[in-house]
Amino acid sequence: MTENVVKTLTDPAFLIALLVGIAVFATVFTLLPAFG
């Protein structure tokens, strides 16, 4: 269980997807008040 979690968290593809998700969320979160 724990080994799989570590492998997932250290997987480059997962890290990139995570960063992209955070970037998109931050962008939307920042732009929403402008459209609000």
PDB file of N, CA and C in Angstrom:
ATOM      1  N   MET A   1       0.839  -1.197   0.000  1.00  0.00           N
ATOM      2  CA  MET A   1       0.000   0.000   0.000  1.00  0.00           C
ATOM      3  C   MET A   1       0.881   1.256   0.000  1.00  0.00           C
ATOM      4  N   THR A   2       1.726   1.372   1.026  1.00  0.00           N
ATOM      5  CA  THR A   2       2.564   2.565   1.150  1.00  0.00           C
ATOM      6  C   THR A   2       3.550   2.679  -0.003  1.00  0.00           C
ATOM      7  N   GLU A   3       4.101   1.541  -0.442  1.00  0.00           N
ATOM      8  CA  GLU A   3       5.065   1.562  -1.544  1.00  0.00           C
ATOM      9  C   GLU A   3       4.419   2.092  -2.815  1.00  0.00           C
ATOM     10  N   ASN A   4       3.177   1.676  -3.053  1.00  0.00           N
ATOM     11  CA  ASN A   4       2.469   2.154  -4.242  1.00  0.00           C
ATOM     12  C   ASN A   4       2.236   3.658  -4.173  1.00  0.00           C
ATOM     13  N   VAL A   5       1.915   4.153  -2.994  1.00  0.00           N
ATOM     14  CA  VAL A   5       1.690   5.591  -2.819  1.00  0.00           C
ATOM     15  C   VAL A   5       2.975   6.353  -3.112  1.00  0.00           C
ATOM     16  N   VAL A   6       4.096   5.860  -2.582  1.00  0.00           N
ATOM     17  CA  VAL A   6       5.388   6.516  -2.802  1.00  0.00           C
ATOM     18  C   VAL A   6       5.737   6.512  -4.280  1.00  0.00           C
ATOM     19  N   LYS A   7       5.515   5.378  -4.949  1.00  0.00           N
ATOM     20  CA  LYS A   7       5.808   5.292  -6.382  1.00  0.00           C
ATOM     21  C   LYS A   7       4.947   6.274  -7.164  1.00  0.00           C
ATOM     22  N   THR A   8       3.685   6.405  -6.776  1.00  0.00           N
ATOM     23  CA  THR A   8       2.777   7.320  -7.476  1.00  0.00           C
ATOM     24  C   THR A   8       3.198   8.766  -7.254  1.00  0.00           C
ATOM     25  N   LEU A   9       3.526   9.107  -6.011  1.00  0.00           N
ATOM     26  CA  LEU A   9       3.878  10.492  -5.687  1.00  0.00           C
ATOM     27  C   LEU A   9       5.205  10.907  -6.306  1.00  0.00           C
ATOM     28  N   THR A  10       6.074   9.937  -6.612  1.00  0.00           N
ATOM     29  CA  THR A  10       7.377  10.261  -7.191  1.00  0.00           C
ATOM     30  C   THR A  10       7.382  10.031  -8.696  1.00  0.00           C
ATOM     31  N   ASP A  11       6.219   9.688  -9.274  1.00  0.00           N
ATOM     32  CA  ASP A  11       6.125   9.463 -10.715  1.00  0.00           C
ATOM     33  C   ASP A  11       6.103  10.809 -11.436  1.00  0.00           C
ATOM     34  N   PRO A  12       7.052  11.048 -12.341  1.00  0.00           N
ATOM     35  CA  PRO A  12       7.133  12.336 -13.059  1.00  0.00           C
ATOM     36  C   PRO A  12       5.820  12.720 -13.723  1.00  0.00           C
ATOM     37  N   ALA A  13       5.163  11.767 -14.370  1.00  0.00           N
ATOM     38  CA  ALA A  13       3.904  12.064 -15.063  1.00  0.00           C
ATOM     39  C   ALA A  13       2.855  12.542 -14.065  1.00  0.00           C
ATOM     40  N   PHE A  14       2.821  11.911 -12.893  1.00  0.00           N
ATOM     41  CA  PHE A  14       1.859  12.307 -11.860  1.00  0.00           C
ATOM     42  C   PHE A  14       2.168  13.711 -11.343  1.00  0.00           C
ATOM     43  N   LEU A  15       3.462  13.991 -11.132  1.00  0.00           N
ATOM     44  CA  LEU A  15       3.853  15.308 -10.633  1.00  0.00           C
ATOM     45  C   LEU A  15       3.493  16.394 -11.630  1.00  0.00           C
ATOM     46  N   ILE A  16       3.715  16.130 -12.924  1.00  0.00           N
ATOM     47  CA  ILE A  16       3.375  17.106 -13.965  1.00  0.00           C
ATOM     48  C   ILE A  16       1.873  17.336 -13.979  1.00  0.00           C
ATOM     49  N   ALA A  17       1.101  16.246 -13.931  1.00  0.00           N
ATOM     50  CA  ALA A  17      -0.357  16.364 -13.938  1.00  0.00           C
ATOM     51  C   ALA A  17      -0.819  17.151 -12.712  1.00  0.00           C
ATOM     52  N   LEU A  18      -0.182  16.910 -11.583  1.00  0.00           N
ATOM     53  CA  LEU A  18      -0.548  17.612 -10.349  1.00  0.00           C
ATOM     54  C   LEU A  18      -0.266  19.109 -10.477  1.00  0.00           C
ATOM     55  N   LEU A  19       0.920  19.439 -11.017  1.00  0.00           N
ATOM     56  CA  LEU A  19       1.279  20.848 -11.189  1.00  0.00           C
ATOM     57  C   LEU A  19       0.336  21.538 -12.158  1.00  0.00           C
ATOM     58  N   VAL A  20      -0.011  20.853 -13.240  1.00  0.00           N
ATOM     59  CA  VAL A  20      -0.934  21.427 -14.223  1.00  0.00           C
ATOM     60  C   VAL A  20      -2.290  21.665 -13.569  1.00  0.00           C
ATOM     61  N   GLY A  21      -2.747  20.696 -12.797  1.00  0.00           N
ATOM     62  CA  GLY A  21      -4.030  20.833 -12.116  1.00  0.00           C
ATOM     63  C   GLY A  21      -4.026  22.011 -11.157  1.00  0.00           C
ATOM     64  N   ILE A  22      -2.949  22.163 -10.405  1.00  0.00           N
ATOM     65  CA  ILE A  22      -2.837  23.283  -9.470  1.00  0.00           C
ATOM     66  C   ILE A  22      -2.800  24.609 -10.225  1.00  0.00           C
ATOM     67  N   ALA A  23      -2.051  24.642 -11.338  1.00  0.00           N
ATOM     68  CA  ALA A  23      -1.944  25.866 -12.135  1.00  0.00           C
ATOM     69  C   ALA A  23      -3.307  26.269 -12.690  1.00  0.00           C
ATOM     70  N   VAL A  24      -4.041  25.289 -13.211  1.00  0.00           N
ATOM     71  CA  VAL A  24      -5.370  25.571 -13.767  1.00  0.00           C
ATOM     72  C   VAL A  24      -6.307  26.054 -12.662  1.00  0.00           C
ATOM     73  N   PHE A  25      -6.281  25.375 -11.532  1.00  0.00           N
ATOM     74  CA  PHE A  25      -7.134  25.765 -10.413  1.00  0.00           C
ATOM     75  C   PHE A  25      -6.809  27.181  -9.946  1.00  0.00           C
ATOM     76  N   ALA A  26      -5.519  27.491  -9.839  1.00  0.00           N
ATOM     77  CA  ALA A  26      -5.104  28.819  -9.391  1.00  0.00           C
ATOM     78  C   ALA A  26      -5.539  29.884 -10.387  1.00  0.00           C
ATOM     79  N   THR A  27      -5.420  29.566 -11.681  1.00  0.00           N
ATOM     80  CA  THR A  27      -5.824  30.521 -12.720  1.00  0.00           C
ATOM     81  C   THR A  27      -7.318  30.786 -12.646  1.00  0.00           C
ATOM     82  N   VAL A  28      -8.111  29.719 -12.574  1.00  0.00           N
ATOM     83  CA  VAL A  28      -9.564  29.865 -12.489  1.00  0.00           C
ATOM     84  C   VAL A  28      -9.940  30.616 -11.214  1.00  0.00           C
ATOM     85  N   PHE A  29      -9.310  30.250 -10.112  1.00  0.00           N
ATOM     86  CA  PHE A  29      -9.605  30.875  -8.823  1.00  0.00           C
ATOM     87  C   PHE A  29      -9.286  32.369  -8.853  1.00  0.00           C
ATOM     88  N   THR A  30      -8.245  32.739  -9.633  1.00  0.00           N
ATOM     89  CA  THR A  30      -7.846  34.146  -9.740  1.00  0.00           C
ATOM     90  C   THR A  30      -8.761  34.915 -10.675  1.00  0.00           C
ATOM     91  N   LEU A  31      -9.199  34.261 -11.758  1.00  0.00           N
ATOM     92  CA  LEU A  31     -10.010  34.944 -12.767  1.00  0.00           C
ATOM     93  C   LEU A  31     -11.489  35.027 -12.398  1.00  0.00           C
ATOM     94  N   LEU A  32     -11.980  34.107 -11.578  1.00  0.00           N
ATOM     95  CA  LEU A  32     -13.402  34.109 -11.229  1.00  0.00           C
ATOM     96  C   LEU A  32     -13.896  35.448 -10.672  1.00  0.00           C
ATOM     97  N   PRO A  33     -13.187  36.087  -9.747  1.00  0.00           N
ATOM     98  CA  PRO A  33     -13.661  37.378  -9.234  1.00  0.00           C
ATOM     99  C   PRO A  33     -13.795  38.425 -10.339  1.00  0.00           C
ATOM    100  N   ALA A  34     -12.963  38.354 -11.368  1.00  0.00           N
ATOM    101  CA  ALA A  34     -13.015  39.320 -12.468  1.00  0.00           C
ATOM    102  C   ALA A  34     -14.319  39.164 -13.246  1.00  0.00           C
ATOM    103  N   PHE A  35     -14.777  37.914 -13.374  1.00  0.00           N
ATOM    104  CA  PHE A  35     -16.019  37.659 -14.106  1.00  0.00           C
ATOM    105  C   PHE A  35     -17.233  37.744 -13.184  1.00  0.00           C
ATOM    106  N   GLY A  36     -16.968  37.667 -11.877  1.00  0.00           N
ATOM    107  CA  GLY A  36     -18.040  37.612 -10.909  1.00  0.00           C
ATOM    108  C   GLY A  36     -18.917  38.850 -10.895  1.00  0.00           C
TER     109      GLY A  36
END
